[in-house]
C-alpha atoms as a PDB file:
ATOM      1  CA  MET A   1       0.034   0.038   0.326  1.00  0.00           C
ATOM      2  CA  ALA A   2       1.150   3.660  -0.624  1.00  0.00           C
ATOM      3  CA  LYS A   3       2.363   5.758   1.689  1.00  0.00           C
ATOM      4  CA  ILE A   4       0.315   8.625   3.183  1.00  0.00           C
ATOM      5  CA  ILE A   5       0.886  11.409   5.253  1.00  0.00           C
ATOM      6  CA  THR A   6      -1.994  13.775   6.306  1.00  0.00           C
ATOM      7  CA  ILE A   7      -1.860  17.244   7.850  1.00  0.00           C
ATOM      8  CA  GLY A   8      -4.813  19.082   9.842  1.00  0.00           C
ATOM      9  CA  SER A   9      -6.281  19.645  13.568  1.00  0.00           C
ATOM     10  CA  ALA A  10      -6.655  17.483  16.517  1.00  0.00           C
ATOM     11  CA  THR A  11      -9.111  18.002  18.903  1.00  0.00           C
ATOM     12  CA  MET A  12     -10.776  16.770  21.728  1.00  0.00           C
ATOM     13  CA  ASP A  13     -14.784  16.706  21.073  1.00  0.00           C
ATOM     14  CA  VAL A  14     -17.222  16.515  23.220  1.00  0.00           C
ATOM     15  CA  PHE A  15     -20.949  15.645  22.218  1.00  0.00           C
ATOM     16  CA  VAL A  16     -24.019  17.307  23.641  1.00  0.00           C
ATOM     17  CA  GLU A  17     -27.086  16.400  22.703  1.00  0.00           C
ATOM     18  CA  CYS A  18     -30.475  17.813  23.766  1.00  0.00           C
ATOM     19  CA  ASP A  19     -34.159  17.234  23.883  1.00  0.00           C
ATOM     20  CA  GLU A  20     -35.053  21.271  23.869  1.00  0.00           C
ATOM     21  CA  ALA A  21     -33.091  21.940  20.771  1.00  0.00           C
ATOM     22  CA  ASN A  22     -35.280  23.865  17.868  1.00  0.00           C
ATOM     23  CA  ILE A  23     -34.374  23.986  14.570  1.00  0.00           C
ATOM     24  CA  VAL A  24     -35.124  27.443  13.025  1.00  0.00           C
ATOM     25  CA  SER A  25     -35.579  27.965   9.481  1.00  0.00           C
ATOM     26  CA  VAL A  26     -34.830  31.524   8.026  1.00  0.00           C
ATOM     27  CA  CYS A  27     -35.736  32.408   4.446  1.00  0.00           C
ATOM     28  CA  SER A  28     -34.674  35.409   2.425  1.00  0.00           C
ATOM     29  CA  LYS A  29     -34.931  35.919  -1.383  1.00  0.00           C
ATOM     30  CA  THR A  30     -31.601  34.544  -2.254  1.00  0.00           C
ATOM     31  CA  LYS A  31     -30.928  31.752   0.524  1.00  0.00           C
ATOM     32  CA  ASN A  32     -32.257  29.364   3.326  1.00  0.00           C
ATOM     33  CA  SER A  33     -30.361  29.300   6.599  1.00  0.00           C
ATOM     34  CA  ASP A  34     -31.321  26.803   9.479  1.00  0.00           C
ATOM     35  CA  PHE A  35     -30.209  27.801  13.296  1.00  0.00           C
ATOM     36  CA  MET A  36     -29.966  25.395  16.173  1.00  0.00           C
ATOM     37  CA  SER A  37     -31.701  27.289  18.785  1.00  0.00           C
ATOM     38  CA  TYR A  38     -32.453  26.879  22.656  1.00  0.00           C
ATOM     39  CA  PRO A  39     -34.767  28.869  25.441  1.00  0.00           C
ATOM     40  CA  TYR A  40     -32.556  32.118  26.141  1.00  0.00           C
ATOM     41  CA  GLY A  41     -31.706  32.292  29.974  1.00  0.00           C
ATOM     42  CA  SER A  42     -32.852  28.822  30.521  1.00  0.00           C
ATOM     43  CA  LYS A  43     -30.779  25.881  32.520  1.00  0.00           C
ATOM     44  CA  ILE A  44     -31.465  22.855  30.242  1.00  0.00           C
ATOM     45  CA  ASP A  45     -30.584  19.269  30.627  1.00  0.00           C
ATOM     46  CA  ILE A  46     -28.668  17.057  28.833  1.00  0.00           C
ATOM     47  CA  ALA A  47     -30.117  14.152  26.940  1.00  0.00           C
ATOM     48  CA  ASN A  48     -26.516  12.660  26.082  1.00  0.00           C
ATOM     49  CA  PHE A  49     -22.771  13.132  26.525  1.00  0.00           C
ATOM     50  CA  SER A  50     -20.037  11.548  25.196  1.00  0.00           C
ATOM     51  CA  SER A  51     -16.444  12.409  24.273  1.00  0.00           C
ATOM     52  CA  ASN A  52     -14.211  11.680  21.530  1.00  0.00           C
ATOM     53  CA  VAL A  53     -11.145  12.738  19.231  1.00  0.00           C
ATOM     54  CA  GLY A  54     -11.950  14.335  15.793  1.00  0.00           C
ATOM     55  CA  GLY A  55      -9.925  17.031  13.824  1.00  0.00           C
ATOM     56  CA  GLY A  56      -9.475  16.723  10.076  1.00  0.00           C
ATOM     57  CA  GLY A  57      -5.670  15.367  10.856  1.00  0.00           C
ATOM     58  CA  VAL A  58      -6.746  12.793  13.257  1.00  0.00           C
ATOM     59  CA  ASN A  59      -9.838  11.739  11.456  1.00  0.00           C
ATOM     60  CA  THR A  60      -8.345  11.170   8.191  1.00  0.00           C
ATOM     61  CA  ALA A  61      -5.028   9.722   9.321  1.00  0.00           C
ATOM     62  CA  CYS A  62      -7.036   7.177  10.941  1.00  0.00           C
ATOM     63  CA  ASN A  63      -9.162   6.416   8.246  1.00  0.00           C
ATOM     64  CA  PHE A  64      -6.338   5.732   5.975  1.00  0.00           C
ATOM     65  CA  ALA A  65      -4.956   3.521   8.386  1.00  0.00           C
ATOM     66  CA  ASN A  66      -7.620   1.644   8.563  1.00  0.00           C
ATOM     67  CA  LEU A  67      -8.166   1.278   4.717  1.00  0.00           C
ATOM     68  CA  GLY A  68      -4.663  -0.516   5.091  1.00  0.00           C
ATOM     69  CA  PHE A  69      -2.202   2.506   3.988  1.00  0.00           C
ATOM     70  CA  GLU A  70       1.278   3.067   5.787  1.00  0.00           C
ATOM     71  CA  THR A  71       0.016   6.256   7.200  1.00  0.00           C
ATOM     72  CA  SER A  72       2.080   8.984   9.210  1.00  0.00           C
ATOM     73  CA  ALA A  73       0.146  12.447  10.828  1.00  0.00           C
ATOM     74  CA  ILE A  74       0.944  15.970  11.345  1.00  0.00           C
ATOM     75  CA  PHE A  75      -0.653  17.754  13.576  1.00  0.00           C
ATOM     76  CA  LYS A  76      -0.021  19.912  16.796  1.00  0.00           C
ATOM     77  CA  ILE A  77      -0.993  19.740  20.574  1.00  0.00           C
ATOM     78  CA  GLY A  78      -0.323  20.651  23.907  1.00  0.00           C
ATOM     79  CA  GLU A  79       0.935  19.175  27.091  1.00  0.00           C
ATOM     80  CA  ASP A  80      -2.376  18.555  28.841  1.00  0.00           C
ATOM     81  CA  ILE A  81      -5.901  16.624  29.482  1.00  0.00           C
ATOM     82  CA  TYR A  82      -6.764  16.983  26.011  1.00  0.00           C
ATOM     83  CA  SER A  83      -3.456  15.721  24.427  1.00  0.00           C
ATOM     84  CA  GLU A  84      -2.994  12.841  26.617  1.00  0.00           C
ATOM     85  CA  GLY A  85      -6.608  11.813  25.380  1.00  0.00           C
ATOM     86  CA  ILE A  86      -5.680  12.311  21.784  1.00  0.00           C
ATOM     87  CA  LEU A  87      -2.587  10.419  22.180  1.00  0.00           C
ATOM     88  CA  ASP A  88      -3.971   7.406  23.910  1.00  0.00           C
ATOM     89  CA  SER A  89      -6.799   7.254  21.103  1.00  0.00           C
ATOM     90  CA  PHE A  90      -3.666   6.222  18.605  1.00  0.00           C
ATOM     91  CA  LYS A  91      -2.871   3.408  20.639  1.00  0.00           C
ATOM     92  CA  THR A  92      -5.095   1.080  18.923  1.00  0.00           C
ATOM     93  CA  ARG A  93      -4.723   2.886  15.452  1.00  0.00           C
ATOM     94  CA  ASN A  94      -1.444   2.114  13.250  1.00  0.00           C
ATOM     95  CA  VAL A  95      -0.475   5.532  12.655  1.00  0.00           C
ATOM     96  CA  ASP A  96       2.755   7.007  12.991  1.00  0.00           C
ATOM     97  CA  LEU A  97       2.901   9.883  15.587  1.00  0.00           C
ATOM     98  CA  SER A  98       6.826  10.572  14.958  1.00  0.00           C
ATOM     99  CA  ASN A  99       6.001  13.895  12.950  1.00  0.00           C
ATOM    100  CA  ILE A 100       3.572  15.262  15.349  1.00  0.00           C
ATOM    101  CA  ILE A 101       4.140  18.737  17.180  1.00  0.00           C
ATOM    102  CA  GLN A 102       3.894  18.800  20.884  1.00  0.00           C
ATOM    103  CA  LYS A 103       4.229  22.281  22.943  1.00  0.00           C
ATOM    104  CA  LYS A 104       4.142  22.905  26.783  1.00  0.00           C
ATOM    105  CA  GLU A 105       3.225  26.245  25.829  1.00  0.00           C
ATOM    106  CA  THR A 106      -0.102  25.866  24.044  1.00  0.00           C
ATOM    107  CA  SER A 107      -3.391  24.604  24.395  1.00  0.00           C
ATOM    108  CA  THR A 108      -4.450  21.322  22.492  1.00  0.00           C
ATOM    109  CA  GLY A 109      -7.554  22.263  20.198  1.00  0.00           C
ATOM    110  CA  PHE A 110     -10.897  21.272  22.042  1.00  0.00           C
ATOM    111  CA  SER A 111     -14.639  21.418  20.671  1.00  0.00           C
ATOM    112  CA  ILE A 112     -18.397  21.201  22.155  1.00  0.00           C
ATOM    113  CA  ILE A 113     -20.193  19.649  19.273  1.00  0.00           C
ATOM    114  CA  LEU A 114     -24.362  20.154  19.722  1.00  0.00           C
ATOM    115  CA  VAL A 115     -26.206  17.906  18.563  1.00  0.00           C
ATOM    116  CA  SER A 116     -29.307  18.509  16.965  1.00  0.00           C
ATOM    117  CA  PHE A 117     -32.577  15.373  16.826  1.00  0.00           C
ATOM    118  CA  GLN A 118     -32.392  15.782  12.832  1.00  0.00           C
ATOM    119  CA  GLY A 119     -28.486  14.084  13.567  1.00  0.00           C
ATOM    120  CA  ASP A 120     -26.895  17.109  11.998  1.00  0.00           C
ATOM    121  CA  ARG A 121     -24.206  19.456  14.519  1.00  0.00           C
ATOM    122  CA  THR A 122     -23.359  23.104  15.575  1.00  0.00           C
ATOM    123  CA  VAL A 123     -19.598  23.194  16.382  1.00  0.00           C
ATOM    124  CA  LEU A 124     -18.233  25.436  18.791  1.00  0.00           C
ATOM    125  CA  ALA A 125     -14.502  25.295  18.491  1.00  0.00           C
ATOM    126  CA  HIS A 126     -11.231  26.360  20.332  1.00  0.00           C
ATOM    127  CA  ARG A 127      -8.748  26.146  17.671  1.00  0.00           C
ATOM    128  CA  GLY A 128      -5.611  26.358  20.199  1.00  0.00           C
ATOM    129  CA  ALA A 129      -2.583  24.606  18.403  1.00  0.00           C
ATOM    130  CA  ASN A 130      -4.534  23.779  15.678  1.00  0.00           C
ATOM    131  CA  ALA A 131      -4.032  27.408  14.909  1.00  0.00           C
ATOM    132  CA  GLU A 132      -0.022  27.859  15.716  1.00  0.00           C
ATOM    133  CA  ILE A 133       1.746  25.199  13.200  1.00  0.00           C
ATOM    134  CA  ARG A 134       5.066  26.927  11.604  1.00  0.00           C
ATOM    135  CA  GLU A 135       6.563  26.521   8.912  1.00  0.00           C
ATOM    136  CA  ASP A 136      10.015  25.317  10.990  1.00  0.00           C
ATOM    137  CA  GLU A 137       8.154  22.841  12.669  1.00  0.00           C
ATOM    138  CA  ILE A 138       7.087  20.472   9.847  1.00  0.00           C
ATOM    139  CA  ASN A 139       8.746  17.706   8.811  1.00  0.00           C
ATOM    140  CA  TYR A 140       9.383  17.782   5.236  1.00  0.00           C
ATOM    141  CA  GLU A 141      11.471  14.877   5.090  1.00  0.00           C
ATOM    142  CA  ALA A 142       8.256  12.720   5.461  1.00  0.00           C
ATOM    143  CA  ILE A 143       6.630  14.390   2.942  1.00  0.00           C
ATOM    144  CA  LYS A 144       8.986  14.019   0.596  1.00  0.00           C
ATOM    145  CA  ASN A 145       9.258  10.179   1.468  1.00  0.00           C
ATOM    146  CA  ALA A 146       5.326   9.834   1.177  1.00  0.00           C
ATOM    147  CA  ASP A 147       3.577   9.110  -2.370  1.00  0.00           C
ATOM    148  CA  PHE A 148       0.404  11.037  -1.162  1.00  0.00           C
ATOM    149  CA  ILE A 149       0.224  13.713   1.055  1.00  0.00           C
ATOM    150  CA  TYR A 150      -3.379  15.161   2.115  1.00  0.00           C
ATOM    151  CA  ILE A 151      -4.138  18.507   3.241  1.00  0.00           C
ATOM    152  CA  ALA A 152      -6.976  18.809   5.638  1.00  0.00           C
ATOM    153  CA  PRO A 153      -8.415  22.642   6.284  1.00  0.00           C
ATOM    154  CA  LEU A 154      -5.748  24.741   8.336  1.00  0.00           C
ATOM    155  CA  ASN A 155      -6.993  27.221  10.682  1.00  0.00           C
ATOM    156  CA  GLY A 156      -5.480  30.700  11.836  1.00  0.00           C
ATOM    157  CA  GLU A 157      -1.823  30.956  11.169  1.00  0.00           C
ATOM    158  CA  SER A 158      -1.123  27.353  10.164  1.00  0.00           C
ATOM    159  CA  ASN A 159      -2.571  28.422   6.987  1.00  0.00           C
ATOM    160  CA  LYS A 160       0.380  30.452   6.188  1.00  0.00           C
ATOM    161  CA  VAL A 161       2.371  27.088   5.974  1.00  0.00           C
ATOM    162  CA  LEU A 162      -0.063  25.527   3.259  1.00  0.00           C
ATOM    163  CA  GLU A 163       1.643  27.313  -0.035  1.00  0.00           C
ATOM    164  CA  PRO A 164       5.635  26.196   1.216  1.00  0.00           C
ATOM    165  CA  ILE A 165       3.763  22.465   1.735  1.00  0.00           C
ATOM    166  CA  VAL A 166       1.953  22.210  -1.431  1.00  0.00           C
ATOM    167  CA  ASP A 167       5.052  23.842  -3.372  1.00  0.00           C
ATOM    168  CA  TYR A 168       7.434  21.296  -1.569  1.00  0.00           C
ATOM    169  CA  ALA A 169       5.321  18.535  -2.281  1.00  0.00           C
ATOM    170  CA  HIS A 170       4.779  19.167  -5.712  1.00  0.00           C
ATOM    171  CA  LYS A 171       8.731  19.293  -6.729  1.00  0.00           C
ATOM    172  CA  HIS A 172       9.031  16.320  -5.022  1.00  0.00           C
ATOM    173  CA  ASN A 173       6.594  14.447  -6.981  1.00  0.00           C
ATOM    174  CA  THR A 174       4.486  13.583  -3.929  1.00  0.00           C
ATOM    175  CA  ARG A 175       0.862  13.700  -5.087  1.00  0.00           C
ATOM    176  CA  ILE A 176      -1.640  16.131  -3.254  1.00  0.00           C
ATOM    177  CA  CYS A 177      -5.041  15.712  -1.818  1.00  0.00           C
ATOM    178  CA  PHE A 178      -6.801  18.932  -0.940  1.00  0.00           C
ATOM    179  CA  ASN A 179      -9.499  19.492   1.442  1.00  0.00           C
ATOM    180  CA  ALA A 180      -9.935  23.177   1.146  1.00  0.00           C
ATOM    181  CA  GLY A 181     -11.503  25.162   4.423  1.00  0.00           C
ATOM    182  CA  THR A 182     -12.815  28.598   4.904  1.00  0.00           C
ATOM    183  CA  THR A 183      -9.731  29.924   6.000  1.00  0.00           C
ATOM    184  CA  SER A 184      -7.677  29.225   2.701  1.00  0.00           C
ATOM    185  CA  ILE A 185     -10.983  30.386   0.900  1.00  0.00           C
ATOM    186  CA  ARG A 186     -11.614  33.395   2.252  1.00  0.00           C
ATOM    187  CA  ARG A 187      -7.847  34.789   1.226  1.00  0.00           C
ATOM    188  CA  GLY A 188      -9.310  34.622  -2.440  1.00  0.00           C
ATOM    189  CA  PHE A 189      -9.529  32.424  -5.504  1.00  0.00           C
ATOM    190  CA  GLN A 190      -6.130  33.990  -6.821  1.00  0.00           C
ATOM    191  CA  HIS A 191      -4.593  32.802  -3.402  1.00  0.00           C
ATOM    192  CA  ILE A 192      -6.541  29.385  -3.786  1.00  0.00           C
ATOM    193  CA  LYS A 193      -5.809  28.765  -7.440  1.00  0.00           C
ATOM    194  CA  THR A 194      -2.131  28.527  -6.618  1.00  0.00           C
ATOM    195  CA  ILE A 195      -2.978  25.425  -4.756  1.00  0.00           C
ATOM    196  CA  LEU A 196      -5.375  24.295  -7.321  1.00  0.00           C
ATOM    197  CA  LYS A 197      -2.548  24.306 -10.145  1.00  0.00           C
ATOM    198  CA  SER A 198      -0.145  21.534  -7.775  1.00  0.00           C
ATOM    199  CA  ALA A 199      -3.658  19.645  -6.483  1.00  0.00           C
ATOM    200  CA  HIS A 200      -4.101  16.227  -8.017  1.00  0.00           C
ATOM    201  CA  ILE A 201      -7.688  16.337  -6.229  1.00  0.00           C
ATOM    202  CA  VAL A 202      -9.557  18.741  -4.377  1.00  0.00           C
ATOM    203  CA  VAL A 203     -12.766  18.211  -2.376  1.00  0.00           C
ATOM    204  CA  MET A 204     -14.765  20.877  -1.330  1.00  0.00           C
ATOM    205  CA  ASN A 205     -18.453  20.827   0.182  1.00  0.00           C
ATOM    206  CA  LYS A 206     -20.928  23.128  -1.934  1.00  0.00           C
ATOM    207  CA  GLU A 207     -20.792  25.929   0.126  1.00  0.00           C
ATOM    208  CA  GLU A 208     -16.882  26.294  -0.008  1.00  0.00           C
ATOM    209  CA  ALA A 209     -17.113  25.716  -3.825  1.00  0.00           C
ATOM    210  CA  SER A 210     -19.370  28.646  -3.608  1.00  0.00           C
ATOM    211  CA  MET A 211     -17.309  30.912  -1.639  1.00  0.00           C
ATOM    212  CA  THR A 212     -14.162  29.725  -3.729  1.00  0.00           C
ATOM    213  CA  THR A 213     -15.815  30.532  -7.498  1.00  0.00           C
ATOM    214  CA  GLY A 214     -18.401  32.840  -6.247  1.00  0.00           C
ATOM    215  CA  ILE A 215     -21.194  30.732  -8.159  1.00  0.00           C
ATOM    216  CA  GLN A 216     -24.186  30.713  -6.825  1.00  0.00           C
ATOM    217  CA  VAL A 217     -26.951  27.656  -7.014  1.00  0.00           C
ATOM    218  CA  ARG A 218     -29.478  29.815  -7.809  1.00  0.00           C
ATOM    219  CA  PRO A 219     -33.067  28.168  -7.006  1.00  0.00           C
ATOM    220  CA  ASP A 220     -34.507  29.957 -10.399  1.00  0.00           C
ATOM    221  CA  THR A 221     -32.042  28.391 -12.359  1.00  0.00           C
ATOM    222  CA  LYS A 222     -33.067  25.667 -14.312  1.00  0.00           C
ATOM    223  CA  THR A 223     -31.169  21.994 -14.186  1.00  0.00           C
ATOM    224  CA  GLU A 224     -30.172  20.174 -16.868  1.00  0.00           C
ATOM    225  CA  LYS A 225     -30.907  16.551 -17.483  1.00  0.00           C
ATOM    226  CA  PHE A 226     -28.191  13.976 -16.052  1.00  0.00           C
ATOM    227  CA  SER A 227     -29.049  10.640 -17.433  1.00  0.00           C
ATOM    228  CA  HIS A 228     -31.937   9.791 -14.702  1.00  0.00           C
ATOM    229  CA  GLU A 229     -30.728  12.501 -11.957  1.00  0.00           C
ATOM    230  CA  LEU A 230     -30.504  16.380 -12.310  1.00  0.00           C
ATOM    231  CA  ILE A 231     -27.440  17.868 -12.049  1.00  0.00           C
ATOM    232  CA  HIS A 232     -27.664  21.972 -11.356  1.00  0.00           C
ATOM    233  CA  ARG A 233     -25.851  23.910 -13.883  1.00  0.00           C
ATOM    234  CA  ASP A 234     -24.126  26.528 -11.181  1.00  0.00           C
ATOM    235  CA  ILE A 235     -22.582  22.802  -9.737  1.00  0.00           C
ATOM    236  CA  LYS A 236     -21.197  22.215 -13.012  1.00  0.00           C
ATOM    237  CA  LYS A 237     -19.554  25.871 -13.347  1.00  0.00           C
ATOM    238  CA  MET A 238     -18.279  25.716  -9.865  1.00  0.00           C
ATOM    239  CA  LEU A 239     -16.677  21.978 -11.258  1.00  0.00           C
ATOM    240  CA  THR A 240     -15.122  22.988 -14.447  1.00  0.00           C
ATOM    241  CA  THR A 241     -13.848  26.736 -12.695  1.00  0.00           C
ATOM    242  CA  LEU A 242     -12.402  24.784  -9.723  1.00  0.00           C
ATOM    243  CA  LYS A 243     -10.330  22.337 -12.811  1.00  0.00           C
ATOM    244  CA  VAL A 244      -7.657  24.484 -13.286  1.00  0.00           C
ATOM    245  CA  MET A 245      -4.817  21.626 -14.607  1.00  0.00           C
ATOM    246  CA  ASP A 246      -5.687  18.794 -16.667  1.00  0.00           C
ATOM    247  CA  TYR A 247      -4.476  15.992 -14.241  1.00  0.00           C
ATOM    248  CA  GLN A 248      -7.030  17.105 -11.179  1.00  0.00           C
ATOM    249  CA  ILE A 249     -10.192  15.493 -10.027  1.00  0.00           C
ATOM    250  CA  ILE A 250     -12.308  17.948  -8.612  1.00  0.00           C
ATOM    251  CA  VAL A 251     -15.305  16.698  -6.043  1.00  0.00           C
ATOM    252  CA  ILE A 252     -18.350  18.723  -4.724  1.00  0.00           C
ATOM    253  CA  THR A 253     -20.218  17.530  -1.635  1.00  0.00           C
ATOM    254  CA  ASP A 254     -23.576  18.205  -1.036  1.00  0.00           C
ATOM    255  CA  GLY A 255     -24.830  16.713   2.270  1.00  0.00           C
ATOM    256  CA  GLY A 256     -27.584  14.590   1.991  1.00  0.00           C
ATOM    257  CA  HIS A 257     -28.297  15.657  -1.740  1.00  0.00           C
ATOM    258  CA  GLY A 258     -24.838  13.220  -2.676  1.00  0.00           C
ATOM    259  CA  ALA A 259     -21.436  14.197  -4.481  1.00  0.00           C
ATOM    260  CA  TYR A 260     -19.982  15.817  -7.889  1.00  0.00           C
ATOM    261  CA  ALA A 261     -16.860  15.029  -9.624  1.00  0.00           C
ATOM    262  CA  TYR A 262     -15.540  16.253 -12.522  1.00  0.00           C
ATOM    263  CA  ASP A 263     -12.345  14.648 -14.125  1.00  0.00           C
ATOM    264  CA  GLY A 264     -12.188  16.821 -17.302  1.00  0.00           C
ATOM    265  CA  GLN A 265     -13.893  14.448 -19.453  1.00  0.00           C
ATOM    266  CA  LYS A 266     -16.994  13.468 -17.700  1.00  0.00           C
ATOM    267  CA  PHE A 267     -19.615  14.498 -15.110  1.00  0.00           C
ATOM    268  CA  TYR A 268     -20.397  11.896 -12.107  1.00  0.00           C
ATOM    269  CA  PHE A 269     -23.288  12.047  -9.679  1.00  0.00           C
ATOM    270  CA  CYS A 270     -23.458   9.489  -6.553  1.00  0.00           C
ATOM    271  CA  PRO A 271     -26.305   9.786  -4.045  1.00  0.00           C
ATOM    272  CA  ILE A 272     -25.800   9.416  -0.377  1.00  0.00           C
ATOM    273  CA  PHE A 273     -25.405   5.302   0.507  1.00  0.00           C
ATOM    274  CA  PRO A 274     -28.532   5.314   2.662  1.00  0.00           C
ATOM    275  CA  SER A 275     -28.126   4.842   6.712  1.00  0.00           C
ATOM    276  CA  GLU A 276     -29.307   5.942   9.813  1.00  0.00           C
ATOM    277  CA  VAL A 277     -27.727   9.268  11.054  1.00  0.00           C
ATOM    278  CA  VAL A 278     -26.728   9.799  14.319  1.00  0.00           C
ATOM    279  CA  SER A 279     -24.366  12.764  14.352  1.00  0.00           C
ATOM    280  CA  THR A 280     -22.829  14.071  10.802  1.00  0.00           C
ATOM    281  CA  LEU A 281     -19.380  14.753  12.344  1.00  0.00           C
ATOM    282  CA  GLY A 282     -16.785  13.672  10.463  1.00  0.00           C
ATOM    283  CA  ALA A 283     -18.420  12.689   7.788  1.00  0.00           C
ATOM    284  CA  GLY A 284     -16.576  14.830   5.046  1.00  0.00           C
ATOM    285  CA  ASP A 285     -13.218  13.703   6.206  1.00  0.00           C
ATOM    286  CA  ALA A 286     -14.324  10.345   5.707  1.00  0.00           C
ATOM    287  CA  PHE A 287     -15.806  10.725   2.320  1.00  0.00           C
ATOM    288  CA  ALA A 288     -12.712  12.890   0.989  1.00  0.00           C
ATOM    289  CA  SER A 289     -10.200  10.644   2.229  1.00  0.00           C
ATOM    290  CA  THR A 290     -11.638   7.534   1.322  1.00  0.00           C
ATOM    291  CA  PHE A 291     -12.259   8.904  -2.142  1.00  0.00           C
ATOM    292  CA  CYS A 292      -8.813   9.546  -2.464  1.00  0.00           C
ATOM    293  CA  ALA A 293      -7.803   6.500  -0.913  1.00  0.00           C
ATOM    294  CA  ALA A 294     -10.125   4.327  -3.482  1.00  0.00           C
ATOM    295  CA  LEU A 295      -8.745   6.163  -6.372  1.00  0.00           C
ATOM    296  CA  GLN A 296      -5.485   3.931  -5.453  1.00  0.00           C
ATOM    297  CA  ARG A 297      -7.583   0.930  -5.004  1.00  0.00           C
ATOM    298  CA  THR A 298      -9.890   1.206  -7.882  1.00  0.00           C
ATOM    299  CA  ASN A 299      -7.048   2.466 -10.673  1.00  0.00           C
ATOM    300  CA  LEU A 300      -8.536   5.678 -10.999  1.00  0.00           C
ATOM    301  CA  ASN A 301     -12.300   4.935 -11.186  1.00  0.00           C
ATOM    302  CA  VAL A 302     -13.913   8.150 -10.313  1.00  0.00           C
ATOM    303  CA  GLY A 303     -17.578   6.677  -9.916  1.00  0.00           C
ATOM    304  CA  THR A 304     -16.251   3.573  -7.992  1.00  0.00           C
ATOM    305  CA  SER A 305     -14.679   5.970  -5.802  1.00  0.00           C
ATOM    306  CA  LEU A 306     -17.459   8.134  -4.866  1.00  0.00           C
ATOM    307  CA  MET A 307     -19.562   4.800  -4.131  1.00  0.00           C
ATOM    308  CA  TYR A 308     -16.955   3.609  -1.516  1.00  0.00           C
ATOM    309  CA  ALA A 309     -16.444   7.141  -0.210  1.00  0.00           C
ATOM    310  CA  SER A 310     -20.394   7.396   0.227  1.00  0.00           C
ATOM    311  CA  VAL A 311     -20.220   3.936   1.953  1.00  0.00           C
ATOM    312  CA  ASN A 312     -17.666   4.992   4.398  1.00  0.00           C
ATOM    313  CA  SER A 313     -19.203   8.493   5.371  1.00  0.00           C
ATOM    314  CA  ALA A 314     -22.338   6.551   6.021  1.00  0.00           C
ATOM    315  CA  CYS A 315     -20.785   4.465   8.219  1.00  0.00           C
ATOM    316  CA  VAL A 316     -19.215   7.130  10.019  1.00  0.00           C
ATOM    317  CA  VAL A 317     -22.970   8.918  10.482  1.00  0.00           C
ATOM    318  CA  SER A 318     -24.592   6.033  11.950  1.00  0.00           C
ATOM    319  CA  GLU A 319     -21.778   6.489  14.989  1.00  0.00           C
ATOM    320  CA  PHE A 320     -21.226   9.149  17.495  1.00  0.00           C
ATOM    321  CA  GLY A 321     -17.715  10.284  17.228  1.00  0.00           C
ATOM    322  CA  ALA A 322     -15.686  11.126  13.874  1.00  0.00           C
ATOM    323  CA  THR A 323     -13.808   8.072  13.527  1.00  0.00           C
ATOM    324  CA  GLU A 324     -15.869   5.217  15.514  1.00  0.00           C
ATOM    325  CA  GLY A 325     -17.941   3.839  12.542  1.00  0.00           C
ATOM    326  CA  LEU A 326     -14.843   3.641  10.047  1.00  0.00           C
ATOM    327  CA  ALA A 327     -14.779   0.740   7.413  1.00  0.00           C
ATOM    328  CA  THR A 328     -12.303  -1.305   5.741  1.00  0.00           C
ATOM    329  CA  PHE A 329     -12.578  -1.578   2.250  1.00  0.00           C
ATOM    330  CA  GLU A 330     -13.375  -5.256   2.375  1.00  0.00           C
ATOM    331  CA  GLN A 331     -16.505  -4.386   4.420  1.00  0.00           C
ATOM    332  CA  ILE A 332     -17.355  -0.845   2.133  1.00  0.00           C
ATOM    333  CA  GLU A 333     -17.287  -3.735  -0.715  1.00  0.00           C
ATOM    334  CA  SER A 334     -19.119  -6.096   0.860  1.00  0.00           C
ATOM    335  CA  LYS A 335     -22.004  -3.278   1.779  1.00  0.00           C
ATOM    336  CA  LEU A 336     -22.176  -2.113  -1.889  1.00  0.00           C
ATOM    337  CA  LYS A 337     -22.285  -5.930  -2.997  1.00  0.00           C
ATOM    338  CA  LEU A 338     -25.588  -6.368  -0.613  1.00  0.00           C
ATOM    339  CA  ASN A 339     -26.800  -3.213  -2.376  1.00  0.00           C
ATOM    340  CA  PRO A 340     -26.381  -4.354  -5.920  1.00  0.00           C
ATOM    341  CA  ASP A 341     -29.321  -1.075  -7.044  1.00  0.00           C
ATOM    342  CA  TYR A 342     -26.785   1.608  -5.439  1.00  0.00           C
ATOM    343  CA  THR A 343     -24.575   3.033  -8.307  1.00  0.00           C
ATOM    344  CA  TYR A 344     -23.193   6.318  -9.193  1.00  0.00           C
ATOM    345  CA  LEU A 345     -23.886   8.144 -12.565  1.00  0.00           C
ATOM    346  CA  GLU A 346     -22.006   9.950 -15.591  1.00  0.00           C
ATOM    347  CA  GLY A 347     -22.282  11.853 -18.337  1.00  0.00           C
END
């Protein structure tokens, strides 16, 4: 199996579920927005409570290792009770931690995840060490020796290491999968474009793709027939805009509506794989990293890789915790065999 190194955040996640949480929808002419609300000034009982490790660097490293890849991780933590929990969680994971960054003077990332009755969540995040990665703390030799580097969203000052990492990996023929975050996107399309030029695989959700390209999915715009389904022409335009190099594969995820991809030759659509939704935290990390891994396993079959990614994402949302439900390739393939009608569309 290929050698993969991930870089991203590491957090201790605390999940809180409350029966009194309400979902409030606000509509305007151009968009619909949903908000989670609680009675103001009240003391509210918690229905369910649990804690687990998370963060893009942790989640994807665990997934790649679970899929059988030789995996190393780069993330930054402090020396506190939360860092102890993160390190303890890796005792049962086959992940090399020799490249992590640990500093006593900083605090480990911490998140409170408010889970709704619909399974979706709102995250209250303390970035801590995740926003403090410096270029001189990165083991570039590990990146040079890897076959693949997966870059999860980098926040705050950590975002400044993105360009030198991508440039170094590209110069040393290390393939790059880039999962863009809002910190990078807010720096503008011209900034992101310099990253896109080196990335072999780019994964964004629909909202991130819209922010990057400036293209809105307009509710009054007609859709185009896409086999037996519908692909919105604005999403199609996003995909073609994000693809700035011939060798790239672009993926846009759209939550419960499925995912789209474009390889320069064909457009692909893959619906979500059906499952019970307990928590959506970690679903995006599972999807993006599984897609990258599946391309290796399927000899760059984009459609099949989307299906693998959707299955593993469905496994994650059926459990509490961003790494709890991760499936192996064999388990994914078994689920697909049991659901022969589940497939992707291309055109």
